[in-house]
Amino acid sequence: MLDGAGQNGTETGADPGWYAFVRARIEGGHDQLYQALGCPQDAEALEFRLLKRGSRAFSLECRAGTTSALLKIFCGADAGAAYAREKMSLMVMAPTGLVPGVLAVSDQRHFLLEHWHNPVAWPETSQRAPAVAAARRIGDWIARFDARAPAGNRCGNWFEYLTKCGGDIDLGQVPCARDILCDIPLCGTVLSRNDGALHNFLETPTGDLVGCDFENARMKPRGWDYIQGYISLIERYPEAAQQVIQAYAEGFSRAHRGALLVNELNDVARILFCARATQGRAPQEVLSWQ
């Protein structure tokens, strides 16, 4: 849901309540914002533009004069935990340049002020060549993030993992799932964004991607973010799925350094995609994923 704010901070858009909510939440925390943005200590100097409103957070462009930053305010029952996950992820990954730098934090008010970068405008579904180029960039970012993120040990295979930790996914919907997934080993765990939404990327002035929105971050099996991205790309570009996924895999393979095999991750992703797409259908209605 996108809304906007005028230059004087007056709200516009379909939901007039967001502006009052933002002002109330940063009340008492202005000093951190003033200092980070280098503006006078005057609440009226701060202007806001709502970029995205989710169930857990508001994301806004916060402006003081010619200086902008990304302000994320967490809300809802899970606000504290979501804030902590995002703060930890950004702090840990800050030296890599793969995430926005943090300018200010408020543990009491659950907000983060981050370096401002422009949201990436992904191509429409009919624009095949730009979609292929975009997929390659995303694959590259995921591989470089995987290489630099905190990691841990985990043994087993993907069938065991998804059976225990896959939520309501019914792998029985895909007849070949057990045989294939049992042969694909886990290669440890790694800090994962755990969110394949394509709008969770920003672009620096030099054209590099940075990933944002780590409120769902978890330690997951290596390759989990690749799998989530694979599914998101198929859903967004179904008519160009073959070319898009090939470019995505190439981008990941060129940048990846480690034991993960992209063909195995593709198998896991296809099985998960089919299992989710056929959830609740009778077995005879399910087509082979191969």
C-alpha atoms as a PDB file:
ATOM      1  CA  MET A   1       0.000   0.000   0.000  1.00  0.00           C
ATOM      2  CA  LEU A   2       1.559   3.264  -1.109  1.00  0.00           C
ATOM      3  CA  ASP A   3       0.697   6.712   0.152  1.00  0.00           C
ATOM      4  CA  GLY A   4       2.469  10.050   0.017  1.00  0.00           C
ATOM      5  CA  ALA A   5       3.130  13.145   2.075  1.00  0.00           C
ATOM      6  CA  GLY A   6       3.332  16.676   0.758  1.00  0.00           C
ATOM      7  CA  GLN A   7       6.334  18.940   1.225  1.00  0.00           C
ATOM      8  CA  ASN A   8       4.874  20.397   4.421  1.00  0.00           C
ATOM      9  CA  GLY A   9       4.317  16.951   5.903  1.00  0.00           C
ATOM     10  CA  THR A  10       0.569  16.996   5.255  1.00  0.00           C
ATOM     11  CA  GLU A  11      -0.638  13.506   4.516  1.00  0.00           C
ATOM     12  CA  THR A  12      -2.244  12.463   1.269  1.00  0.00           C
ATOM     13  CA  GLY A  13      -3.561   9.155   0.007  1.00  0.00           C
ATOM     14  CA  ALA A  14      -6.255   6.711   0.996  1.00  0.00           C
ATOM     15  CA  ASP A  15      -5.227   6.189   4.630  1.00  0.00           C
ATOM     16  CA  PRO A  16      -4.865   9.475   6.529  1.00  0.00           C
ATOM     17  CA  GLY A  17      -3.950   7.766   9.791  1.00  0.00           C
ATOM     18  CA  TRP A  18      -0.348   6.862   9.015  1.00  0.00           C
ATOM     19  CA  TYR A  19       1.076  10.361   9.453  1.00  0.00           C
ATOM     20  CA  ALA A  20      -0.303  10.796  12.966  1.00  0.00           C
ATOM     21  CA  PHE A  21       0.940   7.308  13.839  1.00  0.00           C
ATOM     22  CA  VAL A  22       4.471   8.111  12.666  1.00  0.00           C
ATOM     23  CA  ARG A  23       4.590  11.394  14.582  1.00  0.00           C
ATOM     24  CA  ALA A  24       3.378   9.690  17.738  1.00  0.00           C
ATOM     25  CA  ARG A  25       5.906   6.883  17.486  1.00  0.00           C
ATOM     26  CA  ILE A  26       8.949   9.116  17.041  1.00  0.00           C
ATOM     27  CA  GLU A  27       7.843  11.511  19.779  1.00  0.00           C
ATOM     28  CA  GLY A  28      10.709  11.816  22.233  1.00  0.00           C
ATOM     29  CA  GLY A  29      13.166  10.269  19.786  1.00  0.00           C
ATOM     30  CA  HIS A  30      13.635  13.304  17.575  1.00  0.00           C
ATOM     31  CA  ASP A  31      17.163  14.008  18.773  1.00  0.00           C
ATOM     32  CA  GLN A  32      18.450  10.827  17.148  1.00  0.00           C
ATOM     33  CA  LEU A  33      16.817  11.739  13.850  1.00  0.00           C
ATOM     34  CA  TYR A  34      18.037  15.347  13.958  1.00  0.00           C
ATOM     35  CA  GLN A  35      21.598  14.271  14.638  1.00  0.00           C
ATOM     36  CA  ALA A  36      21.625  11.539  11.994  1.00  0.00           C
ATOM     37  CA  LEU A  37      20.166  13.833   9.340  1.00  0.00           C
ATOM     38  CA  GLY A  38      22.135  16.913  10.391  1.00  0.00           C
ATOM     39  CA  CYS A  39      19.058  19.106  10.628  1.00  0.00           C
ATOM     40  CA  PRO A  40      17.955  21.708  13.218  1.00  0.00           C
ATOM     41  CA  GLN A  41      16.194  20.400  16.295  1.00  0.00           C
ATOM     42  CA  ASP A  42      12.777  21.325  15.011  1.00  0.00           C
ATOM     43  CA  ALA A  43      10.117  18.661  14.515  1.00  0.00           C
ATOM     44  CA  GLU A  44       8.625  20.608  11.619  1.00  0.00           C
ATOM     45  CA  ALA A  45      11.909  20.227   9.729  1.00  0.00           C
ATOM     46  CA  LEU A  46      11.204  16.521   9.277  1.00  0.00           C
ATOM     47  CA  GLU A  47       9.118  15.437   6.281  1.00  0.00           C
ATOM     48  CA  PHE A  48       7.862  11.925   5.571  1.00  0.00           C
ATOM     49  CA  ARG A  49       6.758   9.996   2.507  1.00  0.00           C
ATOM     50  CA  LEU A  50       5.164   6.603   3.055  1.00  0.00           C
ATOM     51  CA  LEU A  51       6.813   3.985   0.858  1.00  0.00           C
ATOM     52  CA  LYS A  52       5.272   0.793   2.173  1.00  0.00           C
ATOM     53  CA  ARG A  53       2.928  -0.264   4.949  1.00  0.00           C
ATOM     54  CA  GLY A  54       3.020  -3.889   6.055  1.00  0.00           C
ATOM     55  CA  SER A  55       1.573  -5.867   8.917  1.00  0.00           C
ATOM     56  CA  ARG A  56       4.780  -5.423  10.934  1.00  0.00           C
ATOM     57  CA  ALA A  57       6.252  -2.110   9.869  1.00  0.00           C
ATOM     58  CA  PHE A  58       5.947   1.242   8.127  1.00  0.00           C
ATOM     59  CA  SER A  59       8.743   2.137   5.691  1.00  0.00           C
ATOM     60  CA  LEU A  60       9.138   5.846   4.960  1.00  0.00           C
ATOM     61  CA  GLU A  61      11.454   8.290   3.292  1.00  0.00           C
ATOM     62  CA  CYS A  62      12.444  10.741   6.035  1.00  0.00           C
ATOM     63  CA  ARG A  63      13.696  14.069   4.698  1.00  0.00           C
ATOM     64  CA  ALA A  64      15.251  17.138   6.269  1.00  0.00           C
ATOM     65  CA  GLY A  65      16.094  19.751   3.664  1.00  0.00           C
ATOM     66  CA  THR A  66      18.089  17.975   0.964  1.00  0.00           C
ATOM     67  CA  THR A  67      19.040  15.017   3.172  1.00  0.00           C
ATOM     68  CA  SER A  68      16.992  11.813   3.027  1.00  0.00           C
ATOM     69  CA  ALA A  69      17.051   8.549   4.953  1.00  0.00           C
ATOM     70  CA  LEU A  70      14.922   5.415   5.149  1.00  0.00           C
ATOM     71  CA  LEU A  71      12.902   5.253   8.357  1.00  0.00           C
ATOM     72  CA  LYS A  72      11.395   1.923   9.360  1.00  0.00           C
ATOM     73  CA  ILE A  73       8.975   1.869  12.299  1.00  0.00           C
ATOM     74  CA  PHE A  74       7.887  -1.531  13.604  1.00  0.00           C
ATOM     75  CA  CYS A  75       4.377  -2.108  14.888  1.00  0.00           C
ATOM     76  CA  GLY A  76       2.016  -4.875  15.902  1.00  0.00           C
ATOM     77  CA  ALA A  77       2.268  -7.702  18.412  1.00  0.00           C
ATOM     78  CA  ASP A  78       5.609  -8.898  17.011  1.00  0.00           C
ATOM     79  CA  ALA A  79       7.159  -5.419  16.784  1.00  0.00           C
ATOM     80  CA  GLY A  80       9.961  -6.002  19.284  1.00  0.00           C
ATOM     81  CA  ALA A  81      11.086  -9.313  17.787  1.00  0.00           C
ATOM     82  CA  ALA A  82      10.841  -8.085  14.186  1.00  0.00           C
ATOM     83  CA  TYR A  83      12.798  -4.949  15.086  1.00  0.00           C
ATOM     84  CA  ALA A  84      15.494  -7.016  16.808  1.00  0.00           C
ATOM     85  CA  ARG A  85      15.866  -9.337  13.819  1.00  0.00           C
ATOM     86  CA  GLU A  86      16.220  -6.454  11.379  1.00  0.00           C
ATOM     87  CA  LYS A  87      18.592  -4.489  13.599  1.00  0.00           C
ATOM     88  CA  MET A  88      20.843  -7.503  14.178  1.00  0.00           C
ATOM     89  CA  SER A  89      20.905  -8.413  10.477  1.00  0.00           C
ATOM     90  CA  LEU A  90      21.799  -4.898   9.334  1.00  0.00           C
ATOM     91  CA  MET A  91      24.470  -4.446  12.008  1.00  0.00           C
ATOM     92  CA  VAL A  92      26.105  -7.801  11.274  1.00  0.00           C
ATOM     93  CA  MET A  93      26.064  -7.332   7.495  1.00  0.00           C
ATOM     94  CA  ALA A  94      26.955  -3.612   7.448  1.00  0.00           C
ATOM     95  CA  PRO A  95      30.644  -4.162   6.525  1.00  0.00           C
ATOM     96  CA  THR A  96      29.648  -6.069   3.366  1.00  0.00           C
ATOM     97  CA  GLY A  97      27.904  -3.170   1.618  1.00  0.00           C
ATOM     98  CA  LEU A  98      25.060  -5.547   0.729  1.00  0.00           C
ATOM     99  CA  VAL A  99      22.545  -3.875   3.076  1.00  0.00           C
ATOM    100  CA  PRO A 100      21.733  -0.248   3.900  1.00  0.00           C
ATOM    101  CA  GLY A 101      23.926   1.332   6.559  1.00  0.00           C
ATOM    102  CA  VAL A 102      22.257   2.158   9.883  1.00  0.00           C
ATOM    103  CA  LEU A 103      22.200   5.819  10.942  1.00  0.00           C
ATOM    104  CA  ALA A 104      20.142   5.614  14.139  1.00  0.00           C
ATOM    105  CA  VAL A 105      18.201   3.089  16.204  1.00  0.00           C
ATOM    106  CA  SER A 106      15.660   3.259  19.002  1.00  0.00           C
ATOM    107  CA  ASP A 107      15.190   0.113  21.060  1.00  0.00           C
ATOM    108  CA  GLN A 108      12.425   1.835  23.017  1.00  0.00           C
ATOM    109  CA  ARG A 109      10.431   3.053  20.024  1.00  0.00           C
ATOM    110  CA  HIS A 110      11.348   0.229  17.654  1.00  0.00           C
ATOM    111  CA  PHE A 111      12.555   2.297  14.735  1.00  0.00           C
ATOM    112  CA  LEU A 112      15.616   2.171  12.488  1.00  0.00           C
ATOM    113  CA  LEU A 113      16.983   5.004  10.358  1.00  0.00           C
ATOM    114  CA  GLU A 114      18.956   3.712   7.389  1.00  0.00           C
ATOM    115  CA  HIS A 115      20.908   5.176   4.487  1.00  0.00           C
ATOM    116  CA  TRP A 116      18.547   6.181   1.721  1.00  0.00           C
ATOM    117  CA  HIS A 117      18.741   4.407  -1.635  1.00  0.00           C
ATOM    118  CA  ASN A 118      16.175   4.397  -4.420  1.00  0.00           C
ATOM    119  CA  PRO A 119      13.753   1.448  -4.580  1.00  0.00           C
ATOM    120  CA  VAL A 120      14.416  -0.741  -7.593  1.00  0.00           C
ATOM    121  CA  ALA A 121      11.797  -0.444 -10.347  1.00  0.00           C
ATOM    122  CA  TRP A 122      11.553  -4.011 -11.598  1.00  0.00           C
ATOM    123  CA  PRO A 123      10.406  -4.490 -15.214  1.00  0.00           C
ATOM    124  CA  GLU A 124       6.853  -5.433 -16.067  1.00  0.00           C
ATOM    125  CA  THR A 125       6.032  -9.042 -16.826  1.00  0.00           C
ATOM    126  CA  SER A 126       5.969  -8.376 -20.583  1.00  0.00           C
ATOM    127  CA  GLN A 127       9.525  -7.000 -20.677  1.00  0.00           C
ATOM    128  CA  ARG A 128      11.511 -10.195 -21.096  1.00  0.00           C
ATOM    129  CA  ALA A 129      15.051  -8.880 -21.636  1.00  0.00           C
ATOM    130  CA  PRO A 130      14.994  -6.487 -18.636  1.00  0.00           C
ATOM    131  CA  ALA A 131      13.478  -9.265 -16.483  1.00  0.00           C
ATOM    132  CA  VAL A 132      16.344 -11.583 -17.398  1.00  0.00           C
ATOM    133  CA  ALA A 133      18.900  -8.915 -16.478  1.00  0.00           C
ATOM    134  CA  ALA A 134      17.108  -8.244 -13.183  1.00  0.00           C
ATOM    135  CA  ALA A 135      17.070 -11.941 -12.296  1.00  0.00           C
ATOM    136  CA  ARG A 136      20.823 -12.201 -12.897  1.00  0.00           C
ATOM    137  CA  ARG A 137      21.444  -9.275 -10.531  1.00  0.00           C
ATOM    138  CA  ILE A 138      19.309 -10.828  -7.803  1.00  0.00           C
ATOM    139  CA  GLY A 139      21.094 -14.174  -8.120  1.00  0.00           C
ATOM    140  CA  ASP A 140      24.429 -12.414  -7.784  1.00  0.00           C
ATOM    141  CA  TRP A 141      23.312 -10.534  -4.645  1.00  0.00           C
ATOM    142  CA  ILE A 142      21.991 -13.674  -2.962  1.00  0.00           C
ATOM    143  CA  ALA A 143      25.254 -15.524  -3.605  1.00  0.00           C
ATOM    144  CA  ARG A 144      27.381 -12.706  -2.205  1.00  0.00           C
ATOM    145  CA  PHE A 145      25.123 -12.379   0.841  1.00  0.00           C
ATOM    146  CA  ASP A 146      25.355 -16.125   1.501  1.00  0.00           C
ATOM    147  CA  ALA A 147      29.150 -15.948   1.364  1.00  0.00           C
ATOM    148  CA  ARG A 148      29.402 -13.159   3.970  1.00  0.00           C
ATOM    149  CA  ALA A 149      26.565 -13.949   6.374  1.00  0.00           C
ATOM    150  CA  PRO A 150      27.000 -15.702   9.752  1.00  0.00           C
ATOM    151  CA  ALA A 151      26.814 -19.461   9.294  1.00  0.00           C
ATOM    152  CA  GLY A 152      26.413 -22.607  11.365  1.00  0.00           C
ATOM    153  CA  ASN A 153      26.450 -26.375  11.058  1.00  0.00           C
ATOM    154  CA  ARG A 154      23.498 -28.574  10.197  1.00  0.00           C
ATOM    155  CA  CYS A 155      23.378 -32.120   8.854  1.00  0.00           C
ATOM    156  CA  GLY A 156      20.621 -34.029   7.138  1.00  0.00           C
ATOM    157  CA  ASN A 157      18.802 -33.615   3.854  1.00  0.00           C
ATOM    158  CA  TRP A 158      16.130 -31.343   2.447  1.00  0.00           C
ATOM    159  CA  PHE A 159      13.319 -33.875   2.837  1.00  0.00           C
ATOM    160  CA  GLU A 160      13.960 -34.221   6.563  1.00  0.00           C
ATOM    161  CA  TYR A 161      14.177 -30.454   6.966  1.00  0.00           C
ATOM    162  CA  LEU A 162      11.016 -29.603   5.038  1.00  0.00           C
ATOM    163  CA  THR A 163       9.070 -32.391   6.728  1.00  0.00           C
ATOM    164  CA  LYS A 164       9.950 -30.981  10.157  1.00  0.00           C
ATOM    165  CA  CYS A 165      10.142 -27.253   9.437  1.00  0.00           C
ATOM    166  CA  GLY A 166       8.133 -26.700   6.283  1.00  0.00           C
ATOM    167  CA  GLY A 167       4.948 -25.623   8.008  1.00  0.00           C
ATOM    168  CA  ASP A 168       1.824 -26.802   6.213  1.00  0.00           C
ATOM    169  CA  ILE A 169       3.627 -27.745   2.996  1.00  0.00           C
ATOM    170  CA  ASP A 170       2.392 -31.151   1.811  1.00  0.00           C
ATOM    171  CA  LEU A 171       5.272 -32.774  -0.043  1.00  0.00           C
ATOM    172  CA  GLY A 172       2.988 -35.709  -0.788  1.00  0.00           C
ATOM    173  CA  GLN A 173       1.430 -33.538  -3.479  1.00  0.00           C
ATOM    174  CA  VAL A 174       4.597 -34.042  -5.546  1.00  0.00           C
ATOM    175  CA  PRO A 175       5.095 -37.805  -6.045  1.00  0.00           C
ATOM    176  CA  CYS A 176       8.847 -37.607  -6.682  1.00  0.00           C
ATOM    177  CA  ALA A 177       9.584 -35.212  -3.803  1.00  0.00           C
ATOM    178  CA  ARG A 178      10.789 -37.740  -1.217  1.00  0.00           C
ATOM    179  CA  ASP A 179      13.234 -39.529  -3.528  1.00  0.00           C
ATOM    180  CA  ILE A 180      14.734 -36.307  -4.871  1.00  0.00           C
ATOM    181  CA  LEU A 181      14.925 -34.356  -1.616  1.00  0.00           C
ATOM    182  CA  CYS A 182      16.427 -37.244   0.363  1.00  0.00           C
ATOM    183  CA  ASP A 183      19.401 -37.179  -2.018  1.00  0.00           C
ATOM    184  CA  ILE A 184      20.061 -33.437  -1.578  1.00  0.00           C
ATOM    185  CA  PRO A 185      22.120 -32.780   1.559  1.00  0.00           C
ATOM    186  CA  LEU A 186      21.960 -29.719   3.743  1.00  0.00           C
ATOM    187  CA  CYS A 187      25.172 -27.675   3.646  1.00  0.00           C
ATOM    188  CA  GLY A 188      24.846 -26.016   7.041  1.00  0.00           C
ATOM    189  CA  THR A 189      22.828 -22.961   8.002  1.00  0.00           C
ATOM    190  CA  VAL A 190      23.267 -19.266   7.263  1.00  0.00           C
ATOM    191  CA  LEU A 191      21.587 -16.005   8.209  1.00  0.00           C
ATOM    192  CA  SER A 192      18.798 -15.683   5.655  1.00  0.00           C
ATOM    193  CA  ARG A 193      16.459 -12.820   4.865  1.00  0.00           C
ATOM    194  CA  ASN A 194      13.684 -15.433   4.611  1.00  0.00           C
ATOM    195  CA  ASP A 195      11.625 -13.244   2.311  1.00  0.00           C
ATOM    196  CA  GLY A 196      11.679 -13.561  -1.456  1.00  0.00           C
ATOM    197  CA  ALA A 197       9.698 -10.406  -2.248  1.00  0.00           C
ATOM    198  CA  LEU A 198      11.347  -8.670  -5.201  1.00  0.00           C
ATOM    199  CA  HIS A 199      10.520  -5.188  -3.902  1.00  0.00           C
ATOM    200  CA  ASN A 200      12.915  -5.726  -0.986  1.00  0.00           C
ATOM    201  CA  PHE A 201      15.856  -4.326  -2.928  1.00  0.00           C
ATOM    202  CA  LEU A 202      17.229  -0.810  -3.224  1.00  0.00           C
ATOM    203  CA  GLU A 203      19.771   0.565  -5.694  1.00  0.00           C
ATOM    204  CA  THR A 204      22.794   2.676  -4.773  1.00  0.00           C
ATOM    205  CA  PRO A 205      23.947   5.626  -6.908  1.00  0.00           C
ATOM    206  CA  THR A 206      26.623   3.346  -8.395  1.00  0.00           C
ATOM    207  CA  GLY A 207      24.004   0.821  -9.507  1.00  0.00           C
ATOM    208  CA  ASP A 208      24.667  -1.816  -6.853  1.00  0.00           C
ATOM    209  CA  LEU A 209      21.833  -3.688  -5.150  1.00  0.00           C
ATOM    210  CA  VAL A 210      21.332  -3.594  -1.403  1.00  0.00           C
ATOM    211  CA  GLY A 211      18.804  -5.803   0.328  1.00  0.00           C
ATOM    212  CA  CYS A 212      16.356  -4.463   2.900  1.00  0.00           C
ATOM    213  CA  ASP A 213      13.491  -5.819   5.034  1.00  0.00           C
ATOM    214  CA  PHE A 214      15.078  -8.329   7.402  1.00  0.00           C
ATOM    215  CA  GLU A 215      12.177  -8.522   9.841  1.00  0.00           C
ATOM    216  CA  ASN A 216      11.691 -12.215   8.982  1.00  0.00           C
ATOM    217  CA  ALA A 217      15.404 -13.086   9.150  1.00  0.00           C
ATOM    218  CA  ARG A 218      16.305 -16.509  10.499  1.00  0.00           C
ATOM    219  CA  MET A 219      19.130 -19.010  10.461  1.00  0.00           C
ATOM    220  CA  LYS A 220      18.019 -21.297   7.622  1.00  0.00           C
ATOM    221  CA  PRO A 221      19.660 -23.979   5.470  1.00  0.00           C
ATOM    222  CA  ARG A 222      22.122 -22.557   2.968  1.00  0.00           C
ATOM    223  CA  GLY A 223      20.304 -21.869  -0.255  1.00  0.00           C
ATOM    224  CA  TRP A 224      16.994 -20.957   1.390  1.00  0.00           C
ATOM    225  CA  ASP A 225      17.038 -17.365   0.089  1.00  0.00           C
ATOM    226  CA  TYR A 226      17.921 -18.651  -3.381  1.00  0.00           C
ATOM    227  CA  ILE A 227      14.875 -20.950  -3.248  1.00  0.00           C
ATOM    228  CA  GLN A 228      12.589 -18.112  -2.129  1.00  0.00           C
ATOM    229  CA  GLY A 229      13.892 -15.870  -4.904  1.00  0.00           C
ATOM    230  CA  TYR A 230      13.386 -18.632  -7.489  1.00  0.00           C
ATOM    231  CA  ILE A 231       9.725 -18.978  -6.529  1.00  0.00           C
ATOM    232  CA  SER A 232       9.152 -15.209  -6.549  1.00  0.00           C
ATOM    233  CA  LEU A 233      10.645 -14.847 -10.029  1.00  0.00           C
ATOM    234  CA  ILE A 234       8.476 -17.632 -11.456  1.00  0.00           C
ATOM    235  CA  GLU A 235       5.380 -16.023  -9.966  1.00  0.00           C
ATOM    236  CA  ARG A 236       6.254 -12.569 -11.328  1.00  0.00           C
ATOM    237  CA  TYR A 237       7.499 -13.635 -14.778  1.00  0.00           C
ATOM    238  CA  PRO A 238       5.583 -16.832 -15.651  1.00  0.00           C
ATOM    239  CA  GLU A 239       5.724 -16.273 -19.398  1.00  0.00           C
ATOM    240  CA  ALA A 240       9.508 -15.892 -19.353  1.00  0.00           C
ATOM    241  CA  ALA A 241      10.183 -18.351 -16.531  1.00  0.00           C
ATOM    242  CA  GLN A 242      12.758 -20.466 -18.348  1.00  0.00           C
ATOM    243  CA  GLN A 243      14.967 -17.564 -19.426  1.00  0.00           C
ATOM    244  CA  VAL A 244      14.548 -15.706 -16.130  1.00  0.00           C
ATOM    245  CA  ILE A 245      15.452 -18.705 -13.982  1.00  0.00           C
ATOM    246  CA  GLN A 246      18.433 -19.535 -16.190  1.00  0.00           C
ATOM    247  CA  ALA A 247      19.778 -16.002 -15.744  1.00  0.00           C
ATOM    248  CA  TYR A 248      19.064 -16.129 -12.009  1.00  0.00           C
ATOM    249  CA  ALA A 249      20.993 -19.392 -11.664  1.00  0.00           C
ATOM    250  CA  GLU A 250      23.883 -17.999 -13.729  1.00  0.00           C
ATOM    251  CA  GLY A 251      24.119 -14.901 -11.569  1.00  0.00           C
ATOM    252  CA  PHE A 252      24.160 -17.016  -8.432  1.00  0.00           C
ATOM    253  CA  SER A 253      26.666 -19.564  -9.783  1.00  0.00           C
ATOM    254  CA  ARG A 254      29.152 -16.931 -10.938  1.00  0.00           C
ATOM    255  CA  ALA A 255      29.235 -15.197  -7.568  1.00  0.00           C
ATOM    256  CA  HIS A 256      28.811 -18.193  -5.256  1.00  0.00           C
ATOM    257  CA  ARG A 257      31.739 -19.679  -3.372  1.00  0.00           C
ATOM    258  CA  GLY A 258      30.873 -22.827  -1.478  1.00  0.00           C
ATOM    259  CA  ALA A 259      29.408 -26.308  -1.578  1.00  0.00           C
ATOM    260  CA  LEU A 260      25.931 -25.453  -2.860  1.00  0.00           C
ATOM    261  CA  LEU A 261      24.989 -26.924  -6.240  1.00  0.00           C
ATOM    262  CA  VAL A 262      22.573 -24.731  -8.151  1.00  0.00           C
ATOM    263  CA  ASN A 263      20.917 -27.692  -9.907  1.00  0.00           C
ATOM    264  CA  GLU A 264      20.054 -29.200  -6.532  1.00  0.00           C
ATOM    265  CA  LEU A 265      18.652 -25.903  -5.266  1.00  0.00           C
ATOM    266  CA  ASN A 266      16.558 -25.638  -8.439  1.00  0.00           C
ATOM    267  CA  ASP A 267      15.099 -29.076  -7.717  1.00  0.00           C
ATOM    268  CA  VAL A 268      14.188 -28.069  -4.163  1.00  0.00           C
ATOM    269  CA  ALA A 269      12.639 -24.821  -5.407  1.00  0.00           C
ATOM    270  CA  ARG A 270      10.551 -26.535  -8.090  1.00  0.00           C
ATOM    271  CA  ILE A 271       9.225 -29.093  -5.619  1.00  0.00           C
ATOM    272  CA  LEU A 272       8.299 -26.390  -3.101  1.00  0.00           C
ATOM    273  CA  PHE A 273       6.647 -24.299  -5.803  1.00  0.00           C
ATOM    274  CA  CYS A 274       4.560 -27.246  -7.005  1.00  0.00           C
ATOM    275  CA  ALA A 275       3.653 -28.347  -3.483  1.00  0.00           C
ATOM    276  CA  ARG A 276       2.398 -24.858  -2.635  1.00  0.00           C
ATOM    277  CA  ALA A 277       0.587 -24.410  -5.942  1.00  0.00           C
ATOM    278  CA  THR A 278      -1.271 -27.712  -5.590  1.00  0.00           C
ATOM    279  CA  GLN A 279      -2.081 -27.408  -1.888  1.00  0.00           C
ATOM    280  CA  GLY A 280      -5.519 -28.884  -1.232  1.00  0.00           C
ATOM    281  CA  ARG A 281      -5.930 -30.522  -4.626  1.00  0.00           C
ATOM    282  CA  ALA A 282      -6.610 -34.206  -5.103  1.00  0.00           C
ATOM    283  CA  PRO A 283      -3.501 -36.224  -6.084  1.00  0.00           C
ATOM    284  CA  GLN A 284      -4.948 -37.066  -9.492  1.00  0.00           C
ATOM    285  CA  GLU A 285      -5.189 -33.345 -10.292  1.00  0.00           C
ATOM    286  CA  VAL A 286      -1.448 -32.767  -9.744  1.00  0.00           C
ATOM    287  CA  LEU A 287       0.803 -32.736 -12.793  1.00  0.00           C
ATOM    288  CA  SER A 288       4.449 -33.785 -12.694  1.00  0.00           C
ATOM    289  CA  TRP A 289       6.815 -30.904 -11.959  1.00  0.00           C
ATOM    290  CA  GLN A 290       9.551 -32.275 -14.217  1.00  0.00           C
END
